[in-house]
Amino acid sequence: MQQDTLDEILEAEKEIKDMLDGERKRADQWLEQTKLEIATTTKAKIAKVAESVTQSKGAAKKAAEATAAEIVQQALFVAQRIESLEEDRLQRIVWEHIVEYIAGTQRDH
């Protein structure tokens, strides 16, 4: 009788151990699968961010080029206007600006 009880206890312990081993195995498999999914998702997100950065750089470059082209066009327009002025008119304008600058500088002191 005691041997039967001991055998039943040992059999129950073995079943519990087998169940725990099975649960550990399933948990390990789940953990590995989850790690793989996280790694895959992370790589995809990193690639998406990198693509977004590249697109943003391209857009910023295009905007800077457009702004630079506009500044160059404005400078060319001003240069053409200055070139078209007669020399005596240009001298008067320059002298007016010099006088205004000197007067402003003197007021600042």
C-alpha atoms as a PDB file:
ATOM      1  CA  MET A   1       0.000   0.000   0.000  1.00  0.00           C
ATOM      2  CA  GLN A   2       2.739   2.414   0.919  1.00  0.00           C
ATOM      3  CA  GLN A   3       4.633   1.447  -2.200  1.00  0.00           C
ATOM      4  CA  ASP A   4       1.510   2.146  -4.317  1.00  0.00           C
ATOM      5  CA  THR A   5       1.160   5.595  -2.731  1.00  0.00           C
ATOM      6  CA  LEU A   6       4.848   6.302  -3.273  1.00  0.00           C
ATOM      7  CA  ASP A   7       4.554   5.159  -6.900  1.00  0.00           C
ATOM      8  CA  GLU A   8       1.539   7.429  -7.402  1.00  0.00           C
ATOM      9  CA  ILE A   9       3.434  10.371  -5.904  1.00  0.00           C
ATOM     10  CA  LEU A  10       6.434   9.685  -8.106  1.00  0.00           C
ATOM     11  CA  GLU A  11       4.159   9.347 -11.150  1.00  0.00           C
ATOM     12  CA  ALA A  12       2.443  12.661 -10.270  1.00  0.00           C
ATOM     13  CA  GLU A  13       5.845  14.352  -9.850  1.00  0.00           C
ATOM     14  CA  LYS A  14       6.917  13.030 -13.251  1.00  0.00           C
ATOM     15  CA  GLU A  15       3.717  14.322 -14.866  1.00  0.00           C
ATOM     16  CA  ILE A  16       4.193  17.729 -13.228  1.00  0.00           C
ATOM     17  CA  LYS A  17       7.829  17.825 -14.370  1.00  0.00           C
ATOM     18  CA  ASP A  18       6.801  16.877 -17.926  1.00  0.00           C
ATOM     19  CA  MET A  19       4.123  19.592 -17.892  1.00  0.00           C
ATOM     20  CA  LEU A  20       6.625  22.171 -16.647  1.00  0.00           C
ATOM     21  CA  ASP A  21       9.148  21.108 -19.278  1.00  0.00           C
ATOM     22  CA  GLY A  22       6.470  21.460 -21.965  1.00  0.00           C
ATOM     23  CA  GLU A  23       5.470  24.918 -20.677  1.00  0.00           C
ATOM     24  CA  ARG A  24       9.124  26.005 -20.605  1.00  0.00           C
ATOM     25  CA  LYS A  25       9.565  24.815 -24.167  1.00  0.00           C
ATOM     26  CA  ARG A  26       6.435  26.661 -25.332  1.00  0.00           C
ATOM     27  CA  ALA A  27       7.523  29.806 -23.439  1.00  0.00           C
ATOM     28  CA  ASP A  28      10.982  29.635 -25.033  1.00  0.00           C
ATOM     29  CA  GLN A  29       9.434  29.215 -28.488  1.00  0.00           C
ATOM     30  CA  TRP A  30       7.047  32.114 -27.860  1.00  0.00           C
ATOM     31  CA  LEU A  31       9.943  34.275 -26.637  1.00  0.00           C
ATOM     32  CA  GLU A  32      12.057  33.504 -29.716  1.00  0.00           C
ATOM     33  CA  GLN A  33       9.117  34.187 -32.049  1.00  0.00           C
ATOM     34  CA  THR A  34       8.387  37.461 -30.256  1.00  0.00           C
ATOM     35  CA  LYS A  35      12.050  38.511 -30.482  1.00  0.00           C
ATOM     36  CA  LEU A  36      12.020  37.760 -34.200  1.00  0.00           C
ATOM     37  CA  GLU A  37       8.814  39.748 -34.725  1.00  0.00           C
ATOM     38  CA  ILE A  38      10.198  42.691 -32.749  1.00  0.00           C
ATOM     39  CA  ALA A  39      13.458  42.625 -34.709  1.00  0.00           C
ATOM     40  CA  THR A  40      11.587  42.504 -38.024  1.00  0.00           C
ATOM     41  CA  THR A  41       9.235  45.311 -37.014  1.00  0.00           C
ATOM     42  CA  THR A  42      12.118  47.413 -35.719  1.00  0.00           C
ATOM     43  CA  LYS A  43      14.088  46.965 -38.943  1.00  0.00           C
ATOM     44  CA  ALA A  44      11.045  47.964 -40.974  1.00  0.00           C
ATOM     45  CA  LYS A  45      10.485  51.067 -38.837  1.00  0.00           C
ATOM     46  CA  ILE A  46      14.152  52.046 -39.077  1.00  0.00           C
ATOM     47  CA  ALA A  47      14.010  51.675 -42.858  1.00  0.00           C
ATOM     48  CA  LYS A  48      10.859  53.805 -42.970  1.00  0.00           C
ATOM     49  CA  VAL A  49      12.464  56.524 -40.828  1.00  0.00           C
ATOM     50  CA  ALA A  50      15.596  56.461 -42.993  1.00  0.00           C
ATOM     51  CA  GLU A  51      13.456  56.840 -46.114  1.00  0.00           C
ATOM     52  CA  SER A  52      11.570  59.714 -44.514  1.00  0.00           C
ATOM     53  CA  VAL A  53      14.835  61.446 -43.607  1.00  0.00           C
ATOM     54  CA  THR A  54      16.077  61.032 -47.168  1.00  0.00           C
ATOM     55  CA  GLN A  55      12.853  62.502 -48.544  1.00  0.00           C
ATOM     56  CA  SER A  56      13.003  65.380 -46.065  1.00  0.00           C
ATOM     57  CA  LYS A  57      16.586  66.123 -47.069  1.00  0.00           C
ATOM     58  CA  GLY A  58      15.564  66.134 -50.710  1.00  0.00           C
ATOM     59  CA  ALA A  59      12.649  68.458 -50.045  1.00  0.00           C
ATOM     60  CA  ALA A  60      14.829  70.790 -47.959  1.00  0.00           C
ATOM     61  CA  LYS A  61      17.458  70.827 -50.699  1.00  0.00           C
ATOM     62  CA  LYS A  62      14.861  71.691 -53.341  1.00  0.00           C
ATOM     63  CA  ALA A  63      13.461  74.468 -51.152  1.00  0.00           C
ATOM     64  CA  ALA A  64      16.956  75.857 -50.523  1.00  0.00           C
ATOM     65  CA  GLU A  65      17.748  75.737 -54.244  1.00  0.00           C
ATOM     66  CA  ALA A  66      14.510  77.555 -55.055  1.00  0.00           C
ATOM     67  CA  THR A  67      15.251  80.217 -52.439  1.00  0.00           C
ATOM     68  CA  ALA A  68      18.802  80.614 -53.721  1.00  0.00           C
ATOM     69  CA  ALA A  69      17.559  80.936 -57.303  1.00  0.00           C
ATOM     70  CA  GLU A  70      15.093  83.621 -56.212  1.00  0.00           C
ATOM     71  CA  ILE A  71      17.835  85.547 -54.390  1.00  0.00           C
ATOM     72  CA  VAL A  72      20.079  85.328 -57.454  1.00  0.00           C
ATOM     73  CA  GLN A  73      17.247  86.588 -59.676  1.00  0.00           C
ATOM     74  CA  GLN A  74      16.611  89.516 -57.340  1.00  0.00           C
ATOM     75  CA  ALA A  75      20.322  90.338 -57.256  1.00  0.00           C
ATOM     76  CA  LEU A  76      20.510  90.217 -61.050  1.00  0.00           C
ATOM     77  CA  PHE A  77      17.494  92.513 -61.292  1.00  0.00           C
ATOM     78  CA  VAL A  78      19.061  95.031 -58.894  1.00  0.00           C
ATOM     79  CA  ALA A  79      22.387  94.796 -60.722  1.00  0.00           C
ATOM     80  CA  GLN A  80      20.665  95.444 -64.043  1.00  0.00           C
ATOM     81  CA  ARG A  81      18.875  98.469 -62.588  1.00  0.00           C
ATOM     82  CA  ILE A  82      22.137  99.831 -61.220  1.00  0.00           C
ATOM     83  CA  GLU A  83      23.888  99.235 -64.544  1.00  0.00           C
ATOM     84  CA  SER A  84      21.161 101.096 -66.377  1.00  0.00           C
ATOM     85  CA  LEU A  85      21.544 104.208 -64.201  1.00  0.00           C
ATOM     86  CA  GLU A  86      23.521 107.054 -65.618  1.00  0.00           C
ATOM     87  CA  GLU A  87      26.749 107.650 -63.788  1.00  0.00           C
ATOM     88  CA  ASP A  88      25.801 111.056 -62.391  1.00  0.00           C
ATOM     89  CA  ARG A  89      22.480 109.707 -61.084  1.00  0.00           C
ATOM     90  CA  LEU A  90      24.277 106.753 -59.517  1.00  0.00           C
ATOM     91  CA  GLN A  91      26.788 109.065 -57.847  1.00  0.00           C
ATOM     92  CA  ARG A  92      23.943 111.166 -56.365  1.00  0.00           C
ATOM     93  CA  ILE A  93      22.245 108.067 -54.977  1.00  0.00           C
ATOM     94  CA  VAL A  94      25.489 106.765 -53.479  1.00  0.00           C
ATOM     95  CA  TRP A  95      26.220 110.175 -51.914  1.00  0.00           C
ATOM     96  CA  GLU A  96      22.696 110.327 -50.444  1.00  0.00           C
ATOM     97  CA  HIS A  97      23.250 106.958 -48.789  1.00  0.00           C
ATOM     98  CA  ILE A  98      26.681 107.976 -47.521  1.00  0.00           C
ATOM     99  CA  VAL A  99      25.253 111.179 -46.004  1.00  0.00           C
ATOM    100  CA  GLU A 100      22.391 109.235 -44.390  1.00  0.00           C
ATOM    101  CA  TYR A 101      24.848 106.693 -43.005  1.00  0.00           C
ATOM    102  CA  ILE A 102      27.173 109.331 -41.595  1.00  0.00           C
ATOM    103  CA  ALA A 103      24.265 111.247 -40.055  1.00  0.00           C
ATOM    104  CA  GLY A 104      22.936 108.053 -38.494  1.00  0.00           C
ATOM    105  CA  THR A 105      26.363 107.119 -37.171  1.00  0.00           C
ATOM    106  CA  GLN A 106      26.775 110.513 -35.570  1.00  0.00           C
ATOM    107  CA  ARG A 107      23.371 110.237 -33.858  1.00  0.00           C
ATOM    108  CA  ASP A 108      24.341 106.850 -32.431  1.00  0.00           C
ATOM    109  CA  HIS A 109      27.253 108.405 -30.463  1.00  0.00           C
END
